[in-house]
């Protein structure tokens, strides 16, 4: 009798434990993370660092190389509840919130530190609030991946935008990119990324603009004479989490999660800046001239071109001055 009761108690206890296990597993959510960068990218190391730091809060499940969602579709996936985290381009946000297009304009941010200062400022908080309220995403911070520089097949000295006149500068396709090339004083020329090396080699274009790691990866330096450190566009994406996943955390978990994200972003930013500095020396060693123009003259010219255009009609009043003053 007692043996029978004991067996029954064990069976009931086992059933109760089995029923409780799914609930226990749900206490630690799985956050699917989508990015277009590869597993060898510095930002993949950033993601792994974040995963280790938040292991007590959630399980981060990364997907690289656009394997889960293609580039440009991650934001919609977040909004539909098909994704919890992503590395999102600001251009994708500006497609839904036109005011955000100011953050993709030339010479808005001076460098990586200025970019971070903006997102930590009151005006940055206003833009993050727009994204949270209108798109349902919580921005953890910007992930810097390099400043775009001009590489040329000519040794012509470039000091101001006037010196760029007549230069056929390859830019990605699309009106926004062509406008960016014009704001530098150049003659923007659309060309597929895979064709740039041959275009530089044959003279179909006089130059290209890319972050220095891209110049190395695609070996553009082999067919260029100089790099002009215009730093005209600070390249960044945004580490984001869906508002649904964010709101499911306790305030204490949110604080710990945000601190872990900041630590991971700090690591990635430093690694990218160190890489860029090393590449400047590497390209010098390869025989390229490395020149620094009058960046203030470029900034003043580009910002005026943007502010005088229809692109600025959706920008908050005085926002460029507020960001310049940071």
C-alpha atoms as a PDB file:
ATOM      1  CA  UNK A   1       0.000   0.000   0.000  1.00  0.00           C
ATOM      2  CA  UNK A   2       2.737   2.410   1.012  1.00  0.00           C
ATOM      3  CA  UNK A   3       4.826   1.300  -1.982  1.00  0.00           C
ATOM      4  CA  UNK A   4       1.906   1.958  -4.289  1.00  0.00           C
ATOM      5  CA  UNK A   5       1.370   5.406  -2.803  1.00  0.00           C
ATOM      6  CA  UNK A   6       5.059   6.193  -3.099  1.00  0.00           C
ATOM      7  CA  UNK A   7       5.107   5.213  -6.780  1.00  0.00           C
ATOM      8  CA  UNK A   8       2.000   7.294  -7.381  1.00  0.00           C
ATOM      9  CA  UNK A   9       3.596  10.250  -5.607  1.00  0.00           C
ATOM     10  CA  UNK A  10       6.727   9.907  -7.728  1.00  0.00           C
ATOM     11  CA  UNK A  11       4.659   9.780 -10.894  1.00  0.00           C
ATOM     12  CA  UNK A  12       2.644  12.838  -9.902  1.00  0.00           C
ATOM     13  CA  UNK A  13       5.828  14.663  -8.904  1.00  0.00           C
ATOM     14  CA  UNK A  14       7.429  13.792 -12.230  1.00  0.00           C
ATOM     15  CA  UNK A  15       4.430  15.051 -14.156  1.00  0.00           C
ATOM     16  CA  UNK A  16       4.412  18.300 -12.205  1.00  0.00           C
ATOM     17  CA  UNK A  17       8.159  18.794 -12.870  1.00  0.00           C
ATOM     18  CA  UNK A  18       7.711  18.082 -16.568  1.00  0.00           C
ATOM     19  CA  UNK A  19       4.874  20.585 -16.710  1.00  0.00           C
ATOM     20  CA  UNK A  20       6.987  23.177 -14.925  1.00  0.00           C
ATOM     21  CA  UNK A  21      10.036  22.819 -17.178  1.00  0.00           C
ATOM     22  CA  UNK A  22       8.580  24.696 -20.197  1.00  0.00           C
ATOM     23  CA  UNK A  23       7.582  27.528 -17.881  1.00  0.00           C
ATOM     24  CA  UNK A  24      11.101  27.580 -16.411  1.00  0.00           C
ATOM     25  CA  UNK A  25      12.570  27.697 -19.918  1.00  0.00           C
ATOM     26  CA  UNK A  26      10.321  30.611 -20.772  1.00  0.00           C
ATOM     27  CA  UNK A  27      11.813  32.588 -17.882  1.00  0.00           C
ATOM     28  CA  UNK A  28      14.943  32.974 -20.056  1.00  0.00           C
ATOM     29  CA  UNK A  29      13.783  34.082 -23.509  1.00  0.00           C
ATOM     30  CA  UNK A  30      15.580  33.371 -26.771  1.00  0.00           C
ATOM     31  CA  UNK A  31      16.437  36.540 -28.680  1.00  0.00           C
ATOM     32  CA  UNK A  32      16.976  35.899 -32.382  1.00  0.00           C
ATOM     33  CA  UNK A  33      19.521  38.381 -33.765  1.00  0.00           C
ATOM     34  CA  UNK A  34      19.856  39.116 -37.485  1.00  0.00           C
ATOM     35  CA  UNK A  35      22.705  40.960 -39.225  1.00  0.00           C
ATOM     36  CA  UNK A  36      24.147  41.176 -42.736  1.00  0.00           C
ATOM     37  CA  UNK A  37      27.777  41.231 -41.580  1.00  0.00           C
ATOM     38  CA  UNK A  38      29.735  37.964 -41.661  1.00  0.00           C
ATOM     39  CA  UNK A  39      30.809  35.760 -38.785  1.00  0.00           C
ATOM     40  CA  UNK A  40      34.379  37.044 -39.321  1.00  0.00           C
ATOM     41  CA  UNK A  41      33.327  40.687 -38.831  1.00  0.00           C
ATOM     42  CA  UNK A  42      34.403  42.637 -35.749  1.00  0.00           C
ATOM     43  CA  UNK A  43      30.720  43.174 -35.028  1.00  0.00           C
ATOM     44  CA  UNK A  44      30.231  39.406 -34.781  1.00  0.00           C
ATOM     45  CA  UNK A  45      32.726  39.500 -31.906  1.00  0.00           C
ATOM     46  CA  UNK A  46      30.646  42.339 -30.469  1.00  0.00           C
ATOM     47  CA  UNK A  47      27.563  40.139 -30.676  1.00  0.00           C
ATOM     48  CA  UNK A  48      29.331  37.234 -28.958  1.00  0.00           C
ATOM     49  CA  UNK A  49      30.494  39.539 -26.178  1.00  0.00           C
ATOM     50  CA  UNK A  50      26.954  40.781 -25.685  1.00  0.00           C
ATOM     51  CA  UNK A  51      25.632  37.200 -25.623  1.00  0.00           C
ATOM     52  CA  UNK A  52      28.050  36.251 -22.842  1.00  0.00           C
ATOM     53  CA  UNK A  53      27.197  39.355 -20.809  1.00  0.00           C
ATOM     54  CA  UNK A  54      23.418  38.820 -20.930  1.00  0.00           C
ATOM     55  CA  UNK A  55      23.467  35.035 -20.506  1.00  0.00           C
ATOM     56  CA  UNK A  56      21.631  35.290 -17.170  1.00  0.00           C
ATOM     57  CA  UNK A  57      18.865  37.372 -18.744  1.00  0.00           C
ATOM     58  CA  UNK A  58      18.345  35.818 -22.177  1.00  0.00           C
ATOM     59  CA  UNK A  59      19.848  33.533 -24.799  1.00  0.00           C
ATOM     60  CA  UNK A  60      21.090  35.445 -27.814  1.00  0.00           C
ATOM     61  CA  UNK A  61      20.745  33.418 -31.019  1.00  0.00           C
ATOM     62  CA  UNK A  62      22.750  35.155 -33.788  1.00  0.00           C
ATOM     63  CA  UNK A  63      22.287  34.774 -37.538  1.00  0.00           C
ATOM     64  CA  UNK A  64      24.970  36.366 -39.741  1.00  0.00           C
ATOM     65  CA  UNK A  65      25.348  37.138 -43.436  1.00  0.00           C
ATOM     66  CA  UNK A  66      21.657  37.887 -43.929  1.00  0.00           C
ATOM     67  CA  UNK A  67      20.903  34.168 -43.539  1.00  0.00           C
ATOM     68  CA  UNK A  68      17.747  34.707 -41.487  1.00  0.00           C
ATOM     69  CA  UNK A  69      16.495  37.966 -43.009  1.00  0.00           C
ATOM     70  CA  UNK A  70      17.906  39.766 -46.042  1.00  0.00           C
ATOM     71  CA  UNK A  71      19.398  43.232 -45.791  1.00  0.00           C
ATOM     72  CA  UNK A  72      16.686  45.853 -45.458  1.00  0.00           C
ATOM     73  CA  UNK A  73      14.006  43.415 -44.248  1.00  0.00           C
ATOM     74  CA  UNK A  74      15.118  43.116 -40.605  1.00  0.00           C
ATOM     75  CA  UNK A  75      13.146  46.136 -39.418  1.00  0.00           C
ATOM     76  CA  UNK A  76       9.868  44.797 -40.784  1.00  0.00           C
ATOM     77  CA  UNK A  77      10.645  41.402 -39.213  1.00  0.00           C
ATOM     78  CA  UNK A  78      11.072  43.123 -35.849  1.00  0.00           C
ATOM     79  CA  UNK A  79       7.803  44.982 -36.301  1.00  0.00           C
ATOM     80  CA  UNK A  80       5.931  41.781 -37.184  1.00  0.00           C
ATOM     81  CA  UNK A  81       7.290  39.895 -34.195  1.00  0.00           C
ATOM     82  CA  UNK A  82       9.368  37.519 -36.325  1.00  0.00           C
ATOM     83  CA  UNK A  83      12.647  38.798 -34.866  1.00  0.00           C
ATOM     84  CA  UNK A  84      13.742  40.084 -31.454  1.00  0.00           C
ATOM     85  CA  UNK A  85      17.069  41.837 -32.197  1.00  0.00           C
ATOM     86  CA  UNK A  86      18.943  43.190 -35.187  1.00  0.00           C
ATOM     87  CA  UNK A  87      21.699  45.442 -36.508  1.00  0.00           C
ATOM     88  CA  UNK A  88      19.599  47.924 -38.479  1.00  0.00           C
ATOM     89  CA  UNK A  89      20.713  50.552 -41.006  1.00  0.00           C
ATOM     90  CA  UNK A  90      19.544  54.112 -40.217  1.00  0.00           C
ATOM     91  CA  UNK A  91      18.458  54.372 -43.865  1.00  0.00           C
ATOM     92  CA  UNK A  92      15.865  51.657 -43.193  1.00  0.00           C
ATOM     93  CA  UNK A  93      14.442  53.709 -40.342  1.00  0.00           C
ATOM     94  CA  UNK A  94      14.397  56.866 -42.470  1.00  0.00           C
ATOM     95  CA  UNK A  95      12.267  55.020 -45.045  1.00  0.00           C
ATOM     96  CA  UNK A  96       9.511  54.933 -42.419  1.00  0.00           C
ATOM     97  CA  UNK A  97      10.397  58.078 -40.445  1.00  0.00           C
ATOM     98  CA  UNK A  98      11.543  60.775 -42.934  1.00  0.00           C
ATOM     99  CA  UNK A  99      12.960  62.963 -40.124  1.00  0.00           C
ATOM    100  CA  UNK A 100      15.597  60.272 -39.596  1.00  0.00           C
ATOM    101  CA  UNK A 101      17.109  60.994 -43.034  1.00  0.00           C
ATOM    102  CA  UNK A 102      19.122  63.804 -41.449  1.00  0.00           C
ATOM    103  CA  UNK A 103      21.160  61.119 -39.652  1.00  0.00           C
ATOM    104  CA  UNK A 104      22.266  59.716 -43.027  1.00  0.00           C
ATOM    105  CA  UNK A 105      23.433  63.048 -44.481  1.00  0.00           C
ATOM    106  CA  UNK A 106      27.052  63.976 -45.194  1.00  0.00           C
ATOM    107  CA  UNK A 107      29.186  65.543 -42.479  1.00  0.00           C
ATOM    108  CA  UNK A 108      26.518  65.431 -39.794  1.00  0.00           C
ATOM    109  CA  UNK A 109      28.787  63.467 -37.459  1.00  0.00           C
ATOM    110  CA  UNK A 110      32.426  64.462 -37.109  1.00  0.00           C
ATOM    111  CA  UNK A 111      33.691  61.071 -35.952  1.00  0.00           C
ATOM    112  CA  UNK A 112      32.742  57.974 -33.960  1.00  0.00           C
ATOM    113  CA  UNK A 113      32.852  59.826 -30.637  1.00  0.00           C
ATOM    114  CA  UNK A 114      30.547  62.558 -31.933  1.00  0.00           C
ATOM    115  CA  UNK A 115      28.156  59.853 -33.134  1.00  0.00           C
ATOM    116  CA  UNK A 116      28.039  58.310 -29.658  1.00  0.00           C
ATOM    117  CA  UNK A 117      27.681  61.725 -28.028  1.00  0.00           C
ATOM    118  CA  UNK A 118      24.648  62.403 -30.196  1.00  0.00           C
ATOM    119  CA  UNK A 119      22.861  59.190 -29.234  1.00  0.00           C
ATOM    120  CA  UNK A 120      23.562  59.916 -25.550  1.00  0.00           C
ATOM    121  CA  UNK A 121      22.257  63.507 -25.833  1.00  0.00           C
ATOM    122  CA  UNK A 122      18.805  65.057 -25.458  1.00  0.00           C
ATOM    123  CA  UNK A 123      18.420  65.433 -29.225  1.00  0.00           C
ATOM    124  CA  UNK A 124      19.498  61.819 -29.680  1.00  0.00           C
ATOM    125  CA  UNK A 125      16.880  60.762 -27.139  1.00  0.00           C
ATOM    126  CA  UNK A 126      14.240  62.498 -29.274  1.00  0.00           C
ATOM    127  CA  UNK A 127      15.207  60.412 -32.309  1.00  0.00           C
ATOM    128  CA  UNK A 128      15.293  57.197 -30.272  1.00  0.00           C
ATOM    129  CA  UNK A 129      11.835  58.036 -28.916  1.00  0.00           C
ATOM    130  CA  UNK A 130      10.537  58.470 -32.492  1.00  0.00           C
ATOM    131  CA  UNK A 131      11.755  54.967 -33.361  1.00  0.00           C
ATOM    132  CA  UNK A 132      10.313  53.438 -30.198  1.00  0.00           C
ATOM    133  CA  UNK A 133       6.917  55.102 -30.489  1.00  0.00           C
ATOM    134  CA  UNK A 134       6.445  54.820 -34.247  1.00  0.00           C
ATOM    135  CA  UNK A 135       8.292  51.584 -35.095  1.00  0.00           C
ATOM    136  CA  UNK A 136       8.205  49.573 -31.879  1.00  0.00           C
ATOM    137  CA  UNK A 137      11.975  49.172 -31.523  1.00  0.00           C
ATOM    138  CA  UNK A 138      14.282  50.111 -28.662  1.00  0.00           C
ATOM    139  CA  UNK A 139      17.700  51.421 -29.754  1.00  0.00           C
ATOM    140  CA  UNK A 140      20.580  50.207 -27.597  1.00  0.00           C
ATOM    141  CA  UNK A 141      23.221  52.231 -29.449  1.00  0.00           C
ATOM    142  CA  UNK A 142      25.034  52.901 -32.744  1.00  0.00           C
ATOM    143  CA  UNK A 143      27.517  50.351 -34.078  1.00  0.00           C
ATOM    144  CA  UNK A 144      30.298  52.257 -35.865  1.00  0.00           C
ATOM    145  CA  UNK A 145      31.926  50.445 -38.781  1.00  0.00           C
ATOM    146  CA  UNK A 146      34.134  53.097 -40.382  1.00  0.00           C
ATOM    147  CA  UNK A 147      34.232  56.518 -42.022  1.00  0.00           C
ATOM    148  CA  UNK A 148      33.922  56.783 -45.790  1.00  0.00           C
ATOM    149  CA  UNK A 149      37.011  58.229 -47.488  1.00  0.00           C
ATOM    150  CA  UNK A 150      37.656  59.244 -51.097  1.00  0.00           C
ATOM    151  CA  UNK A 151      40.146  57.169 -53.073  1.00  0.00           C
ATOM    152  CA  UNK A 152      41.420  58.555 -56.392  1.00  0.00           C
ATOM    153  CA  UNK A 153      43.421  57.427 -59.409  1.00  0.00           C
ATOM    154  CA  UNK A 154      44.859  60.932 -59.760  1.00  0.00           C
ATOM    155  CA  UNK A 155      47.519  62.701 -57.698  1.00  0.00           C
ATOM    156  CA  UNK A 156      45.607  65.990 -57.956  1.00  0.00           C
ATOM    157  CA  UNK A 157      45.717  67.859 -54.648  1.00  0.00           C
ATOM    158  CA  UNK A 158      42.271  67.951 -53.024  1.00  0.00           C
ATOM    159  CA  UNK A 159      41.786  70.641 -50.384  1.00  0.00           C
ATOM    160  CA  UNK A 160      38.224  71.921 -50.881  1.00  0.00           C
ATOM    161  CA  UNK A 161      35.050  70.767 -52.682  1.00  0.00           C
ATOM    162  CA  UNK A 162      36.032  73.003 -55.618  1.00  0.00           C
ATOM    163  CA  UNK A 163      38.989  70.680 -56.234  1.00  0.00           C
ATOM    164  CA  UNK A 164      36.557  67.783 -56.761  1.00  0.00           C
ATOM    165  CA  UNK A 165      34.963  69.437 -59.786  1.00  0.00           C
ATOM    166  CA  UNK A 166      34.906  67.127 -62.805  1.00  0.00           C
ATOM    167  CA  UNK A 167      36.036  64.062 -60.851  1.00  0.00           C
ATOM    168  CA  UNK A 168      33.952  61.011 -61.759  1.00  0.00           C
ATOM    169  CA  UNK A 169      33.351  59.587 -58.321  1.00  0.00           C
ATOM    170  CA  UNK A 170      31.714  56.187 -58.172  1.00  0.00           C
ATOM    171  CA  UNK A 171      28.810  56.149 -55.759  1.00  0.00           C
ATOM    172  CA  UNK A 172      26.296  53.383 -55.055  1.00  0.00           C
ATOM    173  CA  UNK A 173      23.091  53.559 -57.086  1.00  0.00           C
ATOM    174  CA  UNK A 174      20.122  55.502 -55.764  1.00  0.00           C
ATOM    175  CA  UNK A 175      19.277  59.184 -55.548  1.00  0.00           C
ATOM    176  CA  UNK A 176      20.460  59.605 -51.946  1.00  0.00           C
ATOM    177  CA  UNK A 177      23.933  58.278 -52.746  1.00  0.00           C
ATOM    178  CA  UNK A 178      24.212  60.358 -55.917  1.00  0.00           C
ATOM    179  CA  UNK A 179      23.220  63.430 -53.908  1.00  0.00           C
ATOM    180  CA  UNK A 180      25.949  62.623 -51.397  1.00  0.00           C
ATOM    181  CA  UNK A 181      28.530  62.580 -54.203  1.00  0.00           C
ATOM    182  CA  UNK A 182      27.301  65.937 -55.458  1.00  0.00           C
ATOM    183  CA  UNK A 183      27.560  67.410 -51.962  1.00  0.00           C
ATOM    184  CA  UNK A 184      31.293  66.668 -52.076  1.00  0.00           C
ATOM    185  CA  UNK A 185      31.635  68.717 -55.276  1.00  0.00           C
ATOM    186  CA  UNK A 186      32.228  65.649 -57.461  1.00  0.00           C
ATOM    187  CA  UNK A 187      30.490  64.262 -60.522  1.00  0.00           C
ATOM    188  CA  UNK A 188      28.771  61.192 -58.997  1.00  0.00           C
ATOM    189  CA  UNK A 189      28.732  58.102 -61.193  1.00  0.00           C
ATOM    190  CA  UNK A 190      26.588  55.059 -60.300  1.00  0.00           C
ATOM    191  CA  UNK A 191      28.391  51.757 -60.621  1.00  0.00           C
ATOM    192  CA  UNK A 192      27.933  48.290 -59.122  1.00  0.00           C
ATOM    193  CA  UNK A 193      30.295  47.524 -56.244  1.00  0.00           C
ATOM    194  CA  UNK A 194      31.733  44.486 -58.021  1.00  0.00           C
ATOM    195  CA  UNK A 195      32.705  46.651 -61.013  1.00  0.00           C
ATOM    196  CA  UNK A 196      34.632  49.328 -59.102  1.00  0.00           C
ATOM    197  CA  UNK A 197      38.072  47.699 -59.331  1.00  0.00           C
ATOM    198  CA  UNK A 198      37.844  47.442 -63.132  1.00  0.00           C
ATOM    199  CA  UNK A 199      36.319  50.915 -63.331  1.00  0.00           C
ATOM    200  CA  UNK A 200      39.305  52.405 -61.500  1.00  0.00           C
ATOM    201  CA  UNK A 201      41.733  50.342 -63.572  1.00  0.00           C
ATOM    202  CA  UNK A 202      40.283  51.382 -66.949  1.00  0.00           C
ATOM    203  CA  UNK A 203      39.574  55.021 -66.102  1.00  0.00           C
ATOM    204  CA  UNK A 204      35.803  54.665 -66.363  1.00  0.00           C
ATOM    205  CA  UNK A 205      35.789  56.365 -62.966  1.00  0.00           C
ATOM    206  CA  UNK A 206      38.356  58.597 -61.268  1.00  0.00           C
ATOM    207  CA  UNK A 207      37.634  57.461 -57.760  1.00  0.00           C
ATOM    208  CA  UNK A 208      35.417  55.727 -55.234  1.00  0.00           C
ATOM    209  CA  UNK A 209      34.313  56.321 -51.653  1.00  0.00           C
ATOM    210  CA  UNK A 210      34.361  53.567 -49.039  1.00  0.00           C
ATOM    211  CA  UNK A 211      35.573  52.874 -45.507  1.00  0.00           C
ATOM    212  CA  UNK A 212      39.226  51.809 -45.501  1.00  0.00           C
ATOM    213  CA  UNK A 213      38.514  48.141 -44.611  1.00  0.00           C
ATOM    214  CA  UNK A 214      36.436  47.890 -47.813  1.00  0.00           C
ATOM    215  CA  UNK A 215      39.337  49.358 -49.791  1.00  0.00           C
ATOM    216  CA  UNK A 216      41.553  46.589 -48.443  1.00  0.00           C
ATOM    217  CA  UNK A 217      39.023  43.779 -48.830  1.00  0.00           C
ATOM    218  CA  UNK A 218      38.290  44.669 -52.460  1.00  0.00           C
ATOM    219  CA  UNK A 219      41.953  45.553 -53.204  1.00  0.00           C
ATOM    220  CA  UNK A 220      40.969  48.959 -54.593  1.00  0.00           C
ATOM    221  CA  UNK A 221      44.284  50.310 -53.282  1.00  0.00           C
ATOM    222  CA  UNK A 222      46.057  48.375 -56.051  1.00  0.00           C
ATOM    223  CA  UNK A 223      44.547  50.686 -58.682  1.00  0.00           C
ATOM    224  CA  UNK A 224      44.508  53.998 -56.768  1.00  0.00           C
ATOM    225  CA  UNK A 225      47.126  56.721 -56.333  1.00  0.00           C
ATOM    226  CA  UNK A 226      45.860  58.482 -53.248  1.00  0.00           C
ATOM    227  CA  UNK A 227      43.348  58.448 -50.413  1.00  0.00           C
ATOM    228  CA  UNK A 228      41.810  61.739 -49.357  1.00  0.00           C
ATOM    229  CA  UNK A 229      40.691  61.548 -45.731  1.00  0.00           C
ATOM    230  CA  UNK A 230      37.427  63.399 -46.222  1.00  0.00           C
ATOM    231  CA  UNK A 231      35.582  61.357 -43.544  1.00  0.00           C
ATOM    232  CA  UNK A 232      32.400  62.598 -45.180  1.00  0.00           C
ATOM    233  CA  UNK A 233      30.101  59.931 -43.800  1.00  0.00           C
ATOM    234  CA  UNK A 234      30.480  58.200 -40.464  1.00  0.00           C
ATOM    235  CA  UNK A 235      29.220  54.709 -41.153  1.00  0.00           C
ATOM    236  CA  UNK A 236      27.010  53.151 -38.497  1.00  0.00           C
ATOM    237  CA  UNK A 237      24.139  50.790 -37.949  1.00  0.00           C
ATOM    238  CA  UNK A 238      21.947  50.462 -34.880  1.00  0.00           C
ATOM    239  CA  UNK A 239      21.844  47.673 -32.326  1.00  0.00           C
ATOM    240  CA  UNK A 240      18.142  47.337 -31.597  1.00  0.00           C
ATOM    241  CA  UNK A 241      15.725  45.107 -29.718  1.00  0.00           C
ATOM    242  CA  UNK A 242      11.983  44.917 -30.257  1.00  0.00           C
ATOM    243  CA  UNK A 243       9.954  46.941 -27.766  1.00  0.00           C
ATOM    244  CA  UNK A 244       7.982  43.786 -26.959  1.00  0.00           C
ATOM    245  CA  UNK A 245      11.135  41.925 -25.908  1.00  0.00           C
ATOM    246  CA  UNK A 246      12.457  44.984 -24.083  1.00  0.00           C
ATOM    247  CA  UNK A 247       9.248  45.589 -22.148  1.00  0.00           C
ATOM    248  CA  UNK A 248       9.177  41.905 -21.081  1.00  0.00           C
ATOM    249  CA  UNK A 249      12.301  42.533 -18.969  1.00  0.00           C
ATOM    250  CA  UNK A 250      12.287  43.862 -15.422  1.00  0.00           C
ATOM    251  CA  UNK A 251      13.794  47.347 -14.878  1.00  0.00           C
ATOM    252  CA  UNK A 252      16.840  45.672 -13.326  1.00  0.00           C
ATOM    253  CA  UNK A 253      17.258  43.414 -16.357  1.00  0.00           C
ATOM    254  CA  UNK A 254      16.901  46.376 -18.708  1.00  0.00           C
ATOM    255  CA  UNK A 255      19.647  48.257 -16.843  1.00  0.00           C
ATOM    256  CA  UNK A 256      21.991  45.251 -16.994  1.00  0.00           C
ATOM    257  CA  UNK A 257      21.152  44.595 -20.645  1.00  0.00           C
ATOM    258  CA  UNK A 258      21.801  48.222 -21.641  1.00  0.00           C
ATOM    259  CA  UNK A 259      25.139  48.230 -19.796  1.00  0.00           C
ATOM    260  CA  UNK A 260      26.179  45.009 -21.548  1.00  0.00           C
ATOM    261  CA  UNK A 261      25.224  46.476 -24.936  1.00  0.00           C
ATOM    262  CA  UNK A 262      27.275  49.610 -24.251  1.00  0.00           C
ATOM    263  CA  UNK A 263      30.299  47.490 -23.299  1.00  0.00           C
ATOM    264  CA  UNK A 264      29.986  45.429 -26.486  1.00  0.00           C
ATOM    265  CA  UNK A 265      29.583  48.549 -28.659  1.00  0.00           C
ATOM    266  CA  UNK A 266      32.627  50.139 -26.979  1.00  0.00           C
ATOM    267  CA  UNK A 267      34.697  47.057 -27.863  1.00  0.00           C
ATOM    268  CA  UNK A 268      33.555  47.088 -31.491  1.00  0.00           C
ATOM    269  CA  UNK A 269      34.126  50.812 -31.953  1.00  0.00           C
ATOM    270  CA  UNK A 270      37.682  50.678 -30.597  1.00  0.00           C
ATOM    271  CA  UNK A 271      38.501  47.663 -32.761  1.00  0.00           C
ATOM    272  CA  UNK A 272      37.240  49.445 -35.886  1.00  0.00           C
ATOM    273  CA  UNK A 273      39.163  52.651 -35.102  1.00  0.00           C
ATOM    274  CA  UNK A 274      42.353  50.662 -34.457  1.00  0.00           C
ATOM    275  CA  UNK A 275      41.856  48.849 -37.763  1.00  0.00           C
ATOM    276  CA  UNK A 276      41.401  52.094 -39.680  1.00  0.00           C
ATOM    277  CA  UNK A 277      44.569  53.586 -38.148  1.00  0.00           C
ATOM    278  CA  UNK A 278      46.550  50.470 -39.057  1.00  0.00           C
ATOM    279  CA  UNK A 279      45.252  50.560 -42.631  1.00  0.00           C
ATOM    280  CA  UNK A 280      46.390  54.163 -43.110  1.00  0.00           C
ATOM    281  CA  UNK A 281      49.938  53.030 -42.359  1.00  0.00           C
ATOM    282  CA  UNK A 282      49.524  49.908 -44.483  1.00  0.00           C
ATOM    283  CA  UNK A 283      48.396  51.921 -47.501  1.00  0.00           C
ATOM    284  CA  UNK A 284      51.253  54.364 -47.055  1.00  0.00           C
ATOM    285  CA  UNK A 285      53.601  51.393 -47.136  1.00  0.00           C
ATOM    286  CA  UNK A 286      51.938  50.239 -50.353  1.00  0.00           C
ATOM    287  CA  UNK A 287      52.888  53.556 -51.987  1.00  0.00           C
ATOM    288  CA  UNK A 288      49.601  55.447 -51.779  1.00  0.00           C
ATOM    289  CA  UNK A 289      49.604  59.130 -50.902  1.00  0.00           C
ATOM    290  CA  UNK A 290      47.428  59.831 -47.837  1.00  0.00           C
ATOM    291  CA  UNK A 291      46.163  63.412 -47.765  1.00  0.00           C
ATOM    292  CA  UNK A 292      43.896  65.344 -45.406  1.00  0.00           C
ATOM    293  CA  UNK A 293      41.806  68.124 -47.014  1.00  0.00           C
ATOM    294  CA  UNK A 294      40.170  71.146 -45.390  1.00  0.00           C
ATOM    295  CA  UNK A 295      37.459  69.073 -43.722  1.00  0.00           C
ATOM    296  CA  UNK A 296      35.740  72.174 -42.313  1.00  0.00           C
ATOM    297  CA  UNK A 297      35.342  73.547 -45.850  1.00  0.00           C
ATOM    298  CA  UNK A 298      33.884  70.227 -47.015  1.00  0.00           C
ATOM    299  CA  UNK A 299      31.517  70.114 -44.026  1.00  0.00           C
ATOM    300  CA  UNK A 300      30.241  73.668 -44.530  1.00  0.00           C
ATOM    301  CA  UNK A 301      29.679  73.066 -48.245  1.00  0.00           C
ATOM    302  CA  UNK A 302      27.951  69.716 -47.838  1.00  0.00           C
ATOM    303  CA  UNK A 303      25.658  70.830 -45.018  1.00  0.00           C
ATOM    304  CA  UNK A 304      24.571  73.877 -47.036  1.00  0.00           C
ATOM    305  CA  UNK A 305      23.816  71.695 -50.060  1.00  0.00           C
ATOM    306  CA  UNK A 306      21.655  69.408 -47.926  1.00  0.00           C
ATOM    307  CA  UNK A 307      19.877  72.209 -46.058  1.00  0.00           C
ATOM    308  CA  UNK A 308      19.048  73.968 -49.344  1.00  0.00           C
ATOM    309  CA  UNK A 309      17.545  70.776 -50.797  1.00  0.00           C
ATOM    310  CA  UNK A 310      14.120  69.164 -50.566  1.00  0.00           C
ATOM    311  CA  UNK A 311      15.674  66.435 -48.417  1.00  0.00           C
ATOM    312  CA  UNK A 312      15.747  68.811 -45.454  1.00  0.00           C
ATOM    313  CA  UNK A 313      12.017  69.549 -45.523  1.00  0.00           C
ATOM    314  CA  UNK A 314      11.343  66.604 -43.201  1.00  0.00           C
ATOM    315  CA  UNK A 315      14.110  67.434 -40.733  1.00  0.00           C
ATOM    316  CA  UNK A 316      13.227  68.891 -37.315  1.00  0.00           C
ATOM    317  CA  UNK A 317      13.782  72.639 -37.181  1.00  0.00           C
ATOM    318  CA  UNK A 318      17.345  73.544 -36.175  1.00  0.00           C
ATOM    319  CA  UNK A 319      18.438  69.912 -35.717  1.00  0.00           C
ATOM    320  CA  UNK A 320      21.693  70.282 -37.677  1.00  0.00           C
ATOM    321  CA  UNK A 321      22.753  73.234 -35.515  1.00  0.00           C
ATOM    322  CA  UNK A 322      21.905  71.284 -32.366  1.00  0.00           C
ATOM    323  CA  UNK A 323      23.998  68.320 -33.493  1.00  0.00           C
ATOM    324  CA  UNK A 324      26.870  70.562 -34.644  1.00  0.00           C
ATOM    325  CA  UNK A 325      26.930  72.125 -31.177  1.00  0.00           C
ATOM    326  CA  UNK A 326      27.396  68.805 -29.375  1.00  0.00           C
END
